[in-house]
Amino acid sequence: MPSPERLIAARIAQTRRGKETRGMWHELLIGLALMLVIEGVAPFLSPSLMRQALSTMAQMDDRSLRLSGLLSMVIGVILLYLLR
């Protein structure tokens, strides 16, 4: 039978792992919530400007649209790297 100290240490380690997992999901949900808030600012403040922007995007060719998406992802990854 393990000693009480080992049982306590194992329980503490298990609790810490659980908090790390919950922390990761918590941060991911915070990021998602912030993205939704930021995405909602433009249509809320200027619906007509948002319609124009979406119309312009709809007329873009696939290559340009993909390039702008790639650029956005790269900037996001760089920001995450710098902040972490």
C-alpha atoms as a PDB file:
ATOM      1  CA  MET A   1       0.000   0.000   0.000  1.00  0.00           C
ATOM      2  CA  PRO A   2       1.393   3.441  -0.951  1.00  0.00           C
ATOM      3  CA  SER A   3       2.266   5.896   1.776  1.00  0.00           C
ATOM      4  CA  PRO A   4      -0.098   8.785   2.514  1.00  0.00           C
ATOM      5  CA  GLU A   5       2.498  11.227   1.200  1.00  0.00           C
ATOM      6  CA  ARG A   6       2.569   9.459  -2.170  1.00  0.00           C
ATOM      7  CA  LEU A   7      -1.217   9.400  -2.345  1.00  0.00           C
ATOM      8  CA  ILE A   8      -1.362  13.125  -1.626  1.00  0.00           C
ATOM      9  CA  ALA A   9       1.365  13.885  -4.196  1.00  0.00           C
ATOM     10  CA  ALA A  10      -0.454  11.787  -6.829  1.00  0.00           C
ATOM     11  CA  ARG A  11      -3.724  13.586  -6.100  1.00  0.00           C
ATOM     12  CA  ILE A  12      -2.052  17.000  -6.379  1.00  0.00           C
ATOM     13  CA  ALA A  13      -0.464  16.019  -9.708  1.00  0.00           C
ATOM     14  CA  GLN A  14      -3.825  14.766 -10.997  1.00  0.00           C
ATOM     15  CA  THR A  15      -5.528  18.016  -9.951  1.00  0.00           C
ATOM     16  CA  ARG A  16      -2.851  20.106 -11.669  1.00  0.00           C
ATOM     17  CA  ARG A  17      -3.252  18.165 -14.913  1.00  0.00           C
ATOM     18  CA  GLY A  18      -6.999  18.737 -14.782  1.00  0.00           C
ATOM     19  CA  LYS A  19      -6.525  22.468 -14.239  1.00  0.00           C
ATOM     20  CA  GLU A  20      -4.121  22.667 -17.169  1.00  0.00           C
ATOM     21  CA  THR A  21      -6.675  21.003 -19.430  1.00  0.00           C
ATOM     22  CA  ARG A  22      -9.480  23.236 -18.212  1.00  0.00           C
ATOM     23  CA  GLY A  23      -7.194  26.244 -18.607  1.00  0.00           C
ATOM     24  CA  MET A  24      -6.500  25.354 -22.221  1.00  0.00           C
ATOM     25  CA  TRP A  25     -10.217  25.011 -23.039  1.00  0.00           C
ATOM     26  CA  HIS A  26     -10.964  28.188 -21.107  1.00  0.00           C
ATOM     27  CA  GLU A  27      -8.374  30.143 -23.111  1.00  0.00           C
ATOM     28  CA  LEU A  28      -9.633  28.670 -26.376  1.00  0.00           C
ATOM     29  CA  LEU A  29     -13.196  29.740 -25.571  1.00  0.00           C
ATOM     30  CA  ILE A  30     -11.980  33.216 -24.583  1.00  0.00           C
ATOM     31  CA  GLY A  31     -10.223  33.469 -27.948  1.00  0.00           C
ATOM     32  CA  LEU A  32     -13.379  32.372 -29.755  1.00  0.00           C
ATOM     33  CA  ALA A  33     -15.473  34.894 -27.825  1.00  0.00           C
ATOM     34  CA  LEU A  34     -13.051  37.716 -28.643  1.00  0.00           C
ATOM     35  CA  MET A  35     -13.076  36.733 -32.317  1.00  0.00           C
ATOM     36  CA  LEU A  36     -16.895  36.895 -32.360  1.00  0.00           C
ATOM     37  CA  VAL A  37     -16.876  40.301 -30.670  1.00  0.00           C
ATOM     38  CA  ILE A  38     -14.311  41.683 -33.123  1.00  0.00           C
ATOM     39  CA  GLU A  39     -16.148  40.168 -36.111  1.00  0.00           C
ATOM     40  CA  GLY A  40     -19.374  41.789 -34.937  1.00  0.00           C
ATOM     41  CA  VAL A  41     -18.015  45.325 -34.571  1.00  0.00           C
ATOM     42  CA  ALA A  42     -17.969  46.213 -38.290  1.00  0.00           C
ATOM     43  CA  PRO A  43     -21.540  45.143 -39.138  1.00  0.00           C
ATOM     44  CA  PHE A  44     -22.819  46.814 -35.971  1.00  0.00           C
ATOM     45  CA  LEU A  45     -21.091  50.140 -36.571  1.00  0.00           C
ATOM     46  CA  SER A  46     -21.507  50.352 -40.340  1.00  0.00           C
ATOM     47  CA  PRO A  47     -23.768  47.781 -42.002  1.00  0.00           C
ATOM     48  CA  SER A  48     -23.531  49.456 -45.410  1.00  0.00           C
ATOM     49  CA  LEU A  49     -19.715  49.439 -45.335  1.00  0.00           C
ATOM     50  CA  MET A  50     -19.809  45.776 -44.341  1.00  0.00           C
ATOM     51  CA  ARG A  51     -22.091  44.997 -47.302  1.00  0.00           C
ATOM     52  CA  GLN A  52     -19.657  46.766 -49.621  1.00  0.00           C
ATOM     53  CA  ALA A  53     -16.719  44.830 -48.194  1.00  0.00           C
ATOM     54  CA  LEU A  54     -18.541  41.507 -48.582  1.00  0.00           C
ATOM     55  CA  SER A  55     -19.561  42.437 -52.125  1.00  0.00           C
ATOM     56  CA  THR A  56     -15.942  43.231 -52.952  1.00  0.00           C
ATOM     57  CA  MET A  57     -14.818  39.930 -51.438  1.00  0.00           C
ATOM     58  CA  ALA A  58     -17.451  38.056 -53.460  1.00  0.00           C
ATOM     59  CA  GLN A  59     -16.002  39.520 -56.642  1.00  0.00           C
ATOM     60  CA  MET A  60     -12.396  38.580 -55.792  1.00  0.00           C
ATOM     61  CA  ASP A  61     -10.849  35.648 -57.614  1.00  0.00           C
ATOM     62  CA  ASP A  62     -10.005  32.520 -55.621  1.00  0.00           C
ATOM     63  CA  ARG A  63      -6.260  33.176 -55.627  1.00  0.00           C
ATOM     64  CA  SER A  64      -6.615  36.662 -54.108  1.00  0.00           C
ATOM     65  CA  LEU A  65      -9.090  35.447 -51.520  1.00  0.00           C
ATOM     66  CA  ARG A  66      -6.818  32.560 -50.527  1.00  0.00           C
ATOM     67  CA  LEU A  67      -3.833  34.885 -50.332  1.00  0.00           C
ATOM     68  CA  SER A  68      -5.683  37.290 -48.028  1.00  0.00           C
ATOM     69  CA  GLY A  69      -6.765  34.347 -45.845  1.00  0.00           C
ATOM     70  CA  LEU A  70      -3.192  33.046 -45.696  1.00  0.00           C
ATOM     71  CA  LEU A  71      -1.887  36.490 -44.796  1.00  0.00           C
ATOM     72  CA  SER A  72      -4.450  36.769 -42.023  1.00  0.00           C
ATOM     73  CA  MET A  73      -3.477  33.361 -40.619  1.00  0.00           C
ATOM     74  CA  VAL A  74       0.249  34.155 -40.739  1.00  0.00           C
ATOM     75  CA  ILE A  75      -0.265  37.449 -38.933  1.00  0.00           C
ATOM     76  CA  GLY A  76      -2.364  35.653 -36.301  1.00  0.00           C
ATOM     77  CA  VAL A  77       0.288  32.969 -35.757  1.00  0.00           C
ATOM     78  CA  ILE A  78       3.021  35.611 -35.437  1.00  0.00           C
ATOM     79  CA  LEU A  79       0.935  37.535 -32.894  1.00  0.00           C
ATOM     80  CA  LEU A  80       0.299  34.366 -30.899  1.00  0.00           C
ATOM     81  CA  TYR A  81       4.007  33.541 -30.943  1.00  0.00           C
ATOM     82  CA  LEU A  82       4.961  37.034 -29.776  1.00  0.00           C
ATOM     83  CA  LEU A  83       2.328  37.076 -27.017  1.00  0.00           C
ATOM     84  CA  ARG A  84       3.210  33.602 -25.733  1.00  0.00           C
END
